[in-house]
Amino acid sequence: MPTGRAAGCYPEGEGTCPCFFTGHLCRAIARILQDSYGMTTGQIIQLPFFFVLGRPRSGTTLLRTLLDAHPNIAIPLENSGMIHLFFRYRKVRRWDPDKLDEFFDDFFRPDNLKNWKTDREGIRECLEDVSGKQLPFHQVIRIFYYHYQSAFRKEEIQWLGDKSPLFSLYSEQLFRAFPDAKFIHLVRDYRANLSSMCRQDLFSPSETFILMQWKKSAGQIGRLASAHPERFLTVRYEDLVTDPRGTFSMVCDFLQVRYLSELLDPAYRQGAIRSLYDPGFLDRWQPGLSGEITAEHTEKWKHELSAGSVMKADYIAGKTGERFDYFPLNEHFKPLFQLKMSLKVLLFHLQEMNRYLYDRLPLRMKTRIRNRRFILSYRLLAYYKKRFGAG
């Protein structure tokens, strides 16, 4: 089991530890708990794995927090770099020491892992155990996720999980890369998702791009879920916030872990949330994360989106939304409107080609690219021509 904070120990001055001790004594107790529930490397790489898939601003952070609070689940903060590790290491079968060192360095390279608290020494020890062995990517990555140090108390870990909204666009790749994984698809009304994303300047300013990504994500995951229902659970954001007990109980049943109603109590989560997130992040991005779960945001899009934005949303995502009981307000569109939208959709597909090329660049080159819009530069086109003989 992970050490230190994974056993429920918060850093000094960052909340009340559930075991009522602080400082060195608390960490000593954490070490005892670790020894009680510790696993061998062979057990770690066989742990069940699941993904929470959903677009940004769809409730994925809320669900991840509830799952992270569960004593038998380890689900770290976001790690969007994992998909790029997959493209880089998916064909590796025998992991020699040099390859494992390279993998270790690449795993901790992304800036988005700066908030990860992890037992790097424990990871190194497990990597030594698998050195020279033939293992697929999905088993090696489990070692890193297992050693994530949660702010919640942990017992015996029964599931490892991942929640990274970026992965909602890579469900087919993840399905193949993790042949034994389960998937929780968290979906939100496409108009509410659009409204929420438009309030944040981090996302694309293009409503068409936001809607097309929602459509692509929901469509891909929906098709996989229909073909493999035993590995997928679809959860609507609206159900999670209107009936959190019933919905979270359904999630626990899907993972076959005990349902603990106290995880829905804000008081249980507040200390851990304060230790995990910067106050500025919480105020801007997740103001209600440590409070009562409410449905106050489900209908805000009706007042925030213009009639034109709603029409655009219905045109792009309406038919896909109907599969999840999100029904469009507009069903008939003028020819000129359809022509304009077709041109915008074409631009989206060109951008998707850009992303496709970016995904297949060498990992080290990706880390030097700060803006994917410059991927189609002469330098990169020259690389593709040299590497693949493309004209």
Protein backbone atom coordinates (compact mmCIF):
# COMPACT_ATOMS: atom_id res chain seq x y z
CA MET A 1 0.00 0.00 0.00
CA PRO A 2 1.16 3.57 -0.62
CA THR A 3 2.96 5.26 2.21
CA GLY A 4 2.43 8.45 4.20
CA ARG A 5 -0.61 10.39 3.08
CA ALA A 6 -2.09 7.34 1.41
CA ALA A 7 -2.96 6.07 4.86
CA GLY A 8 -5.00 9.15 5.64
CA CYS A 9 -2.31 11.57 6.83
CA TYR A 10 -2.56 15.19 5.80
CA PRO A 11 0.47 17.49 5.84
CA GLU A 12 0.77 19.49 9.03
CA GLY A 13 -1.48 22.54 8.99
CA GLU A 14 -3.61 21.25 6.08
CA GLY A 15 -6.65 19.81 7.75
CA THR A 16 -7.52 17.31 10.44
CA CYS A 17 -6.14 13.82 10.04
CA PRO A 18 -8.85 11.14 10.38
CA CYS A 19 -6.61 9.16 12.75
CA PHE A 20 -6.35 12.15 15.14
CA PHE A 21 -2.52 12.25 15.17
CA THR A 22 -0.13 14.65 13.49
CA GLY A 23 3.49 14.83 12.40
CA HIS A 24 5.93 11.96 12.81
CA LEU A 25 3.57 9.83 14.92
CA CYS A 26 0.91 9.98 12.22
CA ARG A 27 3.41 9.00 9.55
CA ALA A 28 4.62 6.12 11.73
CA ILE A 29 1.05 4.87 12.02
CA ALA A 30 0.72 5.23 8.25
CA ARG A 31 3.78 3.02 7.81
CA ILE A 32 2.24 0.36 10.08
CA LEU A 33 -0.97 0.46 8.04
CA GLN A 34 1.08 0.18 4.86
CA ASP A 35 2.77 -2.97 6.13
CA SER A 36 -0.63 -4.42 7.08
CA TYR A 37 -2.07 -3.99 3.58
CA GLY A 38 1.11 -4.10 1.50
CA MET A 39 1.12 -5.94 -1.81
CA THR A 40 3.81 -7.65 -3.79
CA THR A 41 4.72 -6.34 -7.22
CA GLY A 42 3.08 -9.39 -8.74
CA GLN A 43 -0.18 -8.51 -6.99
CA ILE A 44 0.03 -4.83 -7.93
CA ILE A 45 0.34 -5.44 -11.68
CA GLN A 46 -2.73 -7.69 -11.53
CA LEU A 47 -4.98 -5.19 -9.74
CA PRO A 48 -8.23 -4.36 -11.58
CA PHE A 49 -8.18 -1.01 -13.39
CA PHE A 50 -10.97 1.37 -14.38
CA PHE A 51 -11.31 4.70 -16.17
CA VAL A 52 -13.71 7.55 -15.55
CA LEU A 53 -14.33 8.95 -19.03
CA GLY A 54 -16.08 12.26 -19.56
CA ARG A 55 -15.63 15.68 -21.08
CA PRO A 56 -14.28 18.55 -18.96
CA ARG A 57 -16.95 20.22 -16.81
CA SER A 58 -19.04 17.04 -16.68
CA GLY A 59 -18.66 16.15 -13.00
CA THR A 60 -15.61 13.92 -13.42
CA THR A 61 -13.68 15.69 -10.65
CA LEU A 62 -16.59 15.20 -8.26
CA LEU A 63 -16.85 11.50 -9.06
CA ARG A 64 -13.08 11.05 -8.81
CA THR A 65 -13.10 12.66 -5.37
CA LEU A 66 -15.86 10.34 -4.15
CA LEU A 67 -14.00 7.32 -5.49
CA ASP A 68 -10.67 8.51 -4.08
CA ALA A 69 -12.33 8.79 -0.66
CA HIS A 70 -13.16 5.08 -0.80
CA PRO A 71 -10.66 3.09 1.30
CA ASN A 72 -10.35 0.32 -1.30
CA ILE A 73 -9.82 2.49 -4.40
CA ALA A 74 -6.71 4.36 -5.55
CA ILE A 75 -7.50 6.94 -8.24
CA PRO A 76 -4.90 9.72 -8.57
CA LEU A 77 -5.27 13.27 -9.77
CA GLU A 78 -5.36 13.82 -13.53
CA ASN A 79 -2.53 12.43 -15.61
CA SER A 80 -3.20 13.44 -19.20
CA GLY A 81 0.36 12.48 -20.12
CA MET A 82 -0.41 8.79 -19.75
CA ILE A 83 -1.92 8.55 -23.23
CA HIS A 84 1.32 9.87 -24.71
CA LEU A 85 3.27 7.28 -22.73
CA PHE A 86 1.02 4.69 -24.31
CA PHE A 87 1.87 5.84 -27.83
CA ARG A 88 5.56 5.80 -26.91
CA TYR A 89 5.75 2.46 -25.07
CA ARG A 90 2.81 0.42 -26.36
CA LYS A 91 5.02 -1.95 -28.37
CA VAL A 92 7.53 -2.60 -25.58
CA ARG A 93 7.33 -6.15 -24.27
CA ARG A 94 10.61 -6.81 -22.49
CA TRP A 95 11.46 -4.10 -19.96
CA ASP A 96 15.22 -3.92 -19.49
CA PRO A 97 16.67 -1.57 -16.82
CA ASP A 98 17.42 1.23 -19.29
CA LYS A 99 13.90 1.14 -20.70
CA LEU A 100 12.39 1.23 -17.21
CA ASP A 101 14.57 4.21 -16.28
CA GLU A 102 13.46 5.99 -19.43
CA PHE A 103 9.82 5.19 -18.67
CA PHE A 104 10.20 6.46 -15.10
CA ASP A 105 11.69 9.76 -16.28
CA ASP A 106 9.03 10.22 -18.96
CA PHE A 107 6.20 9.48 -16.53
CA PHE A 108 7.19 12.31 -14.21
CA ARG A 109 8.11 14.73 -16.99
CA PRO A 110 4.72 16.44 -17.57
CA ASP A 111 4.00 19.62 -15.64
CA ASN A 112 0.53 18.34 -14.82
CA LEU A 113 2.05 15.84 -12.36
CA LYS A 114 3.46 18.54 -10.12
CA ASN A 115 0.61 17.99 -7.63
CA TRP A 116 1.03 14.22 -7.56
CA LYS A 117 2.23 12.95 -4.19
CA THR A 118 3.79 9.58 -4.82
CA ASP A 119 6.19 7.06 -3.30
CA ARG A 120 8.97 7.16 -5.90
CA GLU A 121 11.15 4.83 -3.85
CA GLY A 122 8.37 2.25 -3.83
CA ILE A 123 7.97 2.63 -7.59
CA ARG A 124 11.69 2.06 -8.11
CA GLU A 125 11.60 -1.10 -6.00
CA CYS A 126 8.69 -2.52 -8.00
CA LEU A 127 10.36 -1.63 -11.30
CA GLU A 128 13.42 -3.57 -10.18
CA ASP A 129 11.14 -6.57 -9.63
CA VAL A 130 9.86 -6.46 -13.23
CA SER A 131 13.22 -5.64 -14.83
CA GLY A 132 13.94 -7.99 -17.72
CA LYS A 133 10.42 -9.40 -17.75
CA GLN A 134 7.89 -9.42 -20.57
CA LEU A 135 4.93 -7.28 -19.55
CA PRO A 136 2.36 -5.21 -21.45
CA PHE A 137 2.15 -1.47 -20.94
CA HIS A 138 -1.03 -1.65 -18.89
CA GLN A 139 0.64 -3.73 -16.18
CA VAL A 140 3.72 -1.55 -15.83
CA ILE A 141 1.62 1.62 -15.52
CA ARG A 142 -0.27 0.06 -12.61
CA ILE A 143 2.89 0.31 -10.49
CA PHE A 144 2.85 4.10 -10.76
CA TYR A 145 -0.85 4.43 -10.00
CA TYR A 146 -0.65 2.12 -7.01
CA HIS A 147 2.02 4.26 -5.36
CA TYR A 148 0.05 7.48 -5.64
CA GLN A 149 -0.37 8.91 -2.13
CA SER A 150 -3.97 9.86 -1.57
CA ALA A 151 -5.09 12.35 1.06
CA PHE A 152 -7.71 9.83 2.19
CA ARG A 153 -7.25 6.87 4.50
CA LYS A 154 -6.68 3.63 2.58
CA GLU A 155 -7.07 -0.03 3.43
CA GLU A 156 -6.44 -2.91 1.07
CA ILE A 157 -6.50 -1.55 -2.49
CA GLN A 158 -8.94 -3.46 -4.69
CA TRP A 159 -9.09 -1.10 -7.69
CA LEU A 160 -6.79 1.34 -9.45
CA GLY A 161 -8.43 4.10 -11.45
CA ASP A 162 -7.79 7.05 -13.74
CA LYS A 163 -9.76 10.23 -14.35
CA SER A 164 -8.39 12.45 -17.11
CA PRO A 165 -11.00 14.26 -19.26
CA LEU A 166 -8.62 14.27 -22.23
CA PHE A 167 -8.97 10.49 -22.40
CA SER A 168 -12.63 10.82 -23.38
CA LEU A 169 -11.28 11.35 -26.91
CA TYR A 170 -9.15 8.20 -26.72
CA SER A 171 -11.64 5.59 -25.53
CA GLU A 172 -10.92 3.21 -28.40
CA GLN A 173 -7.17 3.31 -27.77
CA LEU A 174 -7.65 2.80 -24.03
CA PHE A 175 -10.06 -0.07 -24.63
CA ARG A 176 -7.38 -1.87 -26.64
CA ALA A 177 -4.49 -0.87 -24.37
CA PHE A 178 -6.26 -2.07 -21.19
CA PRO A 179 -8.04 -5.27 -22.26
CA ASP A 180 -9.28 -6.03 -18.75
CA ALA A 181 -10.26 -2.50 -17.67
CA LYS A 182 -13.73 -1.22 -16.86
CA PHE A 183 -15.05 2.18 -17.91
CA ILE A 184 -17.40 4.61 -16.19
CA HIS A 185 -18.77 7.04 -18.76
CA LEU A 186 -19.91 10.26 -17.12
CA VAL A 187 -21.96 12.26 -19.59
CA ARG A 188 -23.61 15.67 -19.23
CA ASP A 189 -26.19 17.49 -21.35
CA TYR A 190 -24.22 18.84 -24.32
CA ARG A 191 -25.75 22.32 -23.88
CA ALA A 192 -24.88 22.46 -20.17
CA ASN A 193 -21.39 21.23 -20.97
CA LEU A 194 -21.01 23.94 -23.62
CA SER A 195 -22.24 26.64 -21.26
CA SER A 196 -19.87 25.56 -18.48
CA MET A 197 -16.83 25.32 -20.76
CA CYS A 198 -17.52 28.71 -22.33
CA ARG A 199 -17.27 30.30 -18.87
CA GLN A 200 -13.63 29.18 -18.62
CA ASP A 201 -10.95 30.73 -20.82
CA LEU A 202 -8.81 27.58 -20.69
CA PHE A 203 -10.92 25.84 -23.31
CA SER A 204 -11.38 26.48 -27.01
CA PRO A 205 -13.27 29.70 -27.78
CA SER A 206 -15.03 27.85 -30.59
CA GLU A 207 -18.46 26.52 -29.67
CA THR A 208 -18.30 24.23 -32.68
CA PHE A 209 -15.08 22.60 -31.45
CA ILE A 210 -16.48 22.07 -27.95
CA LEU A 211 -19.66 20.52 -29.32
CA MET A 212 -17.87 18.34 -31.85
CA GLN A 213 -15.59 16.98 -29.14
CA TRP A 214 -18.63 16.21 -27.00
CA LYS A 215 -20.24 14.44 -29.95
CA LYS A 216 -17.10 12.48 -30.81
CA SER A 217 -16.49 11.47 -27.22
CA ALA A 218 -20.06 10.42 -26.46
CA GLY A 219 -20.40 8.62 -29.78
CA GLN A 220 -17.19 6.61 -29.43
CA ILE A 221 -17.81 5.61 -25.84
CA GLY A 222 -21.46 4.86 -26.54
CA ARG A 223 -20.58 2.47 -29.36
CA LEU A 224 -18.05 0.65 -27.18
CA ALA A 225 -20.55 0.43 -24.33
CA SER A 226 -23.19 -1.07 -26.62
CA ALA A 227 -20.76 -3.70 -27.88
CA HIS A 228 -19.26 -4.49 -24.45
CA PRO A 229 -21.90 -3.70 -21.80
CA GLU A 230 -20.14 -5.80 -19.16
CA ARG A 231 -17.19 -3.38 -19.16
CA PHE A 232 -19.07 -0.07 -19.27
CA LEU A 233 -21.32 1.89 -16.96
CA THR A 234 -22.97 5.08 -18.20
CA VAL A 235 -23.69 7.70 -15.55
CA ARG A 236 -25.49 10.95 -16.30
CA TYR A 237 -24.19 14.00 -14.47
CA GLU A 238 -27.78 15.04 -13.82
CA ASP A 239 -28.46 11.75 -12.02
CA LEU A 240 -25.28 12.05 -9.97
CA VAL A 241 -26.23 15.48 -8.59
CA THR A 242 -29.97 14.88 -8.15
CA ASP A 243 -29.61 11.40 -6.61
CA PRO A 244 -26.02 11.11 -5.37
CA ARG A 245 -26.73 8.21 -3.03
CA GLY A 246 -28.46 6.05 -5.60
CA THR A 247 -26.01 6.90 -8.37
CA PHE A 248 -22.86 6.42 -6.30
CA SER A 249 -24.26 3.15 -4.98
CA MET A 250 -24.68 2.03 -8.60
CA VAL A 251 -21.04 2.93 -9.30
CA CYS A 252 -19.89 0.93 -6.27
CA ASP A 253 -21.96 -2.05 -7.42
CA PHE A 254 -20.35 -1.83 -10.85
CA LEU A 255 -16.90 -1.99 -9.26
CA GLN A 256 -18.07 -4.56 -6.70
CA VAL A 257 -16.88 -2.55 -3.72
CA ARG A 258 -18.89 -1.75 -0.60
CA TYR A 259 -21.05 1.35 -0.70
CA LEU A 260 -20.13 3.80 2.07
CA SER A 261 -22.68 6.58 2.55
CA GLU A 262 -20.27 8.67 4.64
CA LEU A 263 -18.21 9.41 1.53
CA LEU A 264 -21.02 11.73 0.43
CA ASP A 265 -20.71 13.76 3.63
CA PRO A 266 -18.89 17.05 2.84
CA ALA A 267 -17.22 17.02 6.25
CA TYR A 268 -15.51 13.75 5.35
CA ARG A 269 -13.98 15.24 2.20
CA GLN A 270 -13.15 18.82 3.14
CA GLY A 271 -9.78 18.30 4.82
CA ALA A 272 -8.47 16.09 2.03
CA ILE A 273 -9.70 18.46 -0.68
CA ARG A 274 -7.96 21.42 0.97
CA SER A 275 -4.72 19.44 1.08
CA LEU A 276 -4.99 18.41 -2.58
CA TYR A 277 -5.98 21.62 -4.34
CA ASP A 278 -4.80 25.21 -4.34
CA PRO A 279 -7.52 27.56 -2.97
CA GLY A 280 -7.41 29.59 -6.17
CA PHE A 281 -8.10 26.48 -8.22
CA LEU A 282 -11.06 25.55 -6.03
CA ASP A 283 -12.54 29.05 -6.18
CA ARG A 284 -12.26 29.24 -9.95
CA TRP A 285 -12.83 25.67 -11.08
CA GLN A 286 -14.49 23.64 -8.35
CA PRO A 287 -16.21 25.97 -5.86
CA GLY A 288 -18.70 23.30 -4.80
CA LEU A 289 -16.35 20.32 -4.61
CA SER A 290 -16.19 20.21 -0.82
CA GLY A 291 -19.82 21.15 -0.23
CA GLU A 292 -23.16 19.42 -0.51
CA ILE A 293 -23.85 17.84 -3.88
CA THR A 294 -26.62 19.86 -5.50
CA ALA A 295 -28.34 20.09 -8.87
CA GLU A 296 -28.22 23.89 -9.07
CA HIS A 297 -26.16 23.93 -12.28
CA THR A 298 -28.14 21.46 -14.38
CA GLU A 299 -30.45 24.03 -15.98
CA LYS A 300 -28.21 27.11 -16.05
CA TRP A 301 -27.54 26.68 -19.76
CA LYS A 302 -31.14 27.71 -20.50
CA HIS A 303 -30.34 31.20 -19.20
CA GLU A 304 -26.70 31.45 -20.27
CA LEU A 305 -26.76 30.28 -23.89
CA SER A 306 -28.19 32.39 -26.68
CA ALA A 307 -30.84 30.98 -29.00
CA GLY A 308 -28.19 30.77 -31.71
CA SER A 309 -25.84 28.78 -29.50
CA VAL A 310 -28.62 26.35 -28.56
CA MET A 311 -29.48 25.89 -32.24
CA LYS A 312 -25.83 25.23 -33.04
CA ALA A 313 -25.63 22.72 -30.19
CA ASP A 314 -28.77 20.91 -31.30
CA TYR A 315 -27.56 20.75 -34.90
CA ILE A 316 -24.19 19.24 -33.99
CA ALA A 317 -24.93 17.07 -30.97
CA GLY A 318 -28.71 16.70 -30.83
CA LYS A 319 -28.99 13.22 -32.34
CA THR A 320 -26.14 11.89 -30.21
CA GLY A 321 -27.65 13.55 -27.15
CA GLU A 322 -30.95 11.73 -27.64
CA ARG A 323 -29.17 8.45 -26.84
CA PHE A 324 -28.64 9.79 -23.32
CA ASP A 325 -32.11 11.38 -22.99
CA TYR A 326 -30.93 14.88 -23.85
CA PHE A 327 -33.55 16.05 -26.32
CA PRO A 328 -32.93 18.95 -28.74
CA LEU A 329 -35.13 22.02 -28.82
CA ASN A 330 -34.49 22.51 -32.56
CA GLU A 331 -34.98 19.85 -35.22
CA HIS A 332 -35.28 21.85 -38.45
CA PHE A 333 -32.45 23.99 -39.80
CA LYS A 334 -32.29 26.35 -42.79
CA PRO A 335 -29.99 25.36 -45.69
CA LEU A 336 -27.73 28.41 -45.27
CA PHE A 337 -27.28 27.61 -41.57
CA GLN A 338 -26.38 24.01 -42.42
CA LEU A 339 -23.84 25.20 -45.00
CA LYS A 340 -22.13 27.51 -42.49
CA MET A 341 -22.04 24.76 -39.90
CA SER A 342 -20.60 22.29 -42.40
CA LEU A 343 -17.65 24.61 -43.01
CA LYS A 344 -17.03 24.94 -39.26
CA VAL A 345 -17.22 21.18 -38.82
CA LEU A 346 -14.66 20.80 -41.61
CA LEU A 347 -12.27 23.04 -39.67
CA PHE A 348 -12.75 20.81 -36.64
CA HIS A 349 -11.76 17.73 -38.63
CA LEU A 350 -8.63 19.53 -39.85
CA GLN A 351 -7.78 20.26 -36.23
CA GLU A 352 -8.34 16.59 -35.40
CA MET A 353 -5.80 15.70 -38.09
CA ASN A 354 -3.44 18.06 -36.30
CA ARG A 355 -4.00 16.18 -33.04
CA TYR A 356 -3.51 12.84 -34.79
CA LEU A 357 -0.09 13.96 -36.00
CA TYR A 358 0.81 15.33 -32.59
CA ASP A 359 -0.05 12.05 -30.86
CA ARG A 360 2.40 10.18 -33.06
CA LEU A 361 5.36 12.47 -32.54
CA PRO A 362 8.26 11.22 -30.39
CA LEU A 363 7.49 11.83 -26.73
CA ARG A 364 10.50 14.09 -26.18
CA MET A 365 9.48 16.28 -29.11
CA LYS A 366 5.94 16.62 -27.72
CA THR A 367 7.24 18.00 -24.45
CA ARG A 368 8.99 20.80 -26.36
CA ILE A 369 5.84 21.82 -28.21
CA ARG A 370 3.79 24.29 -26.20
CA ASN A 371 1.19 24.96 -28.85
CA ARG A 372 -0.18 22.19 -31.04
CA ARG A 373 -1.28 24.69 -33.69
CA PHE A 374 2.33 24.81 -34.89
CA ILE A 375 2.59 21.08 -35.48
CA LEU A 376 2.22 21.47 -39.23
CA SER A 377 5.43 23.47 -39.41
CA TYR A 378 8.15 22.89 -41.97
CA ARG A 379 10.36 21.38 -39.27
CA LEU A 380 7.82 18.75 -38.30
CA LEU A 381 6.81 18.03 -41.87
CA ALA A 382 10.49 17.41 -42.57
CA TYR A 383 10.58 14.97 -39.67
CA TYR A 384 7.58 13.04 -41.01
CA LYS A 385 9.10 12.92 -44.47
CA LYS A 386 12.38 11.57 -43.11
CA ARG A 387 10.73 9.13 -40.69
CA PHE A 388 7.91 7.79 -42.84
CA GLY A 389 8.95 8.74 -46.35
CA ALA A 390 5.89 10.94 -46.69
CA GLY A 391 5.85 13.53 -49.45
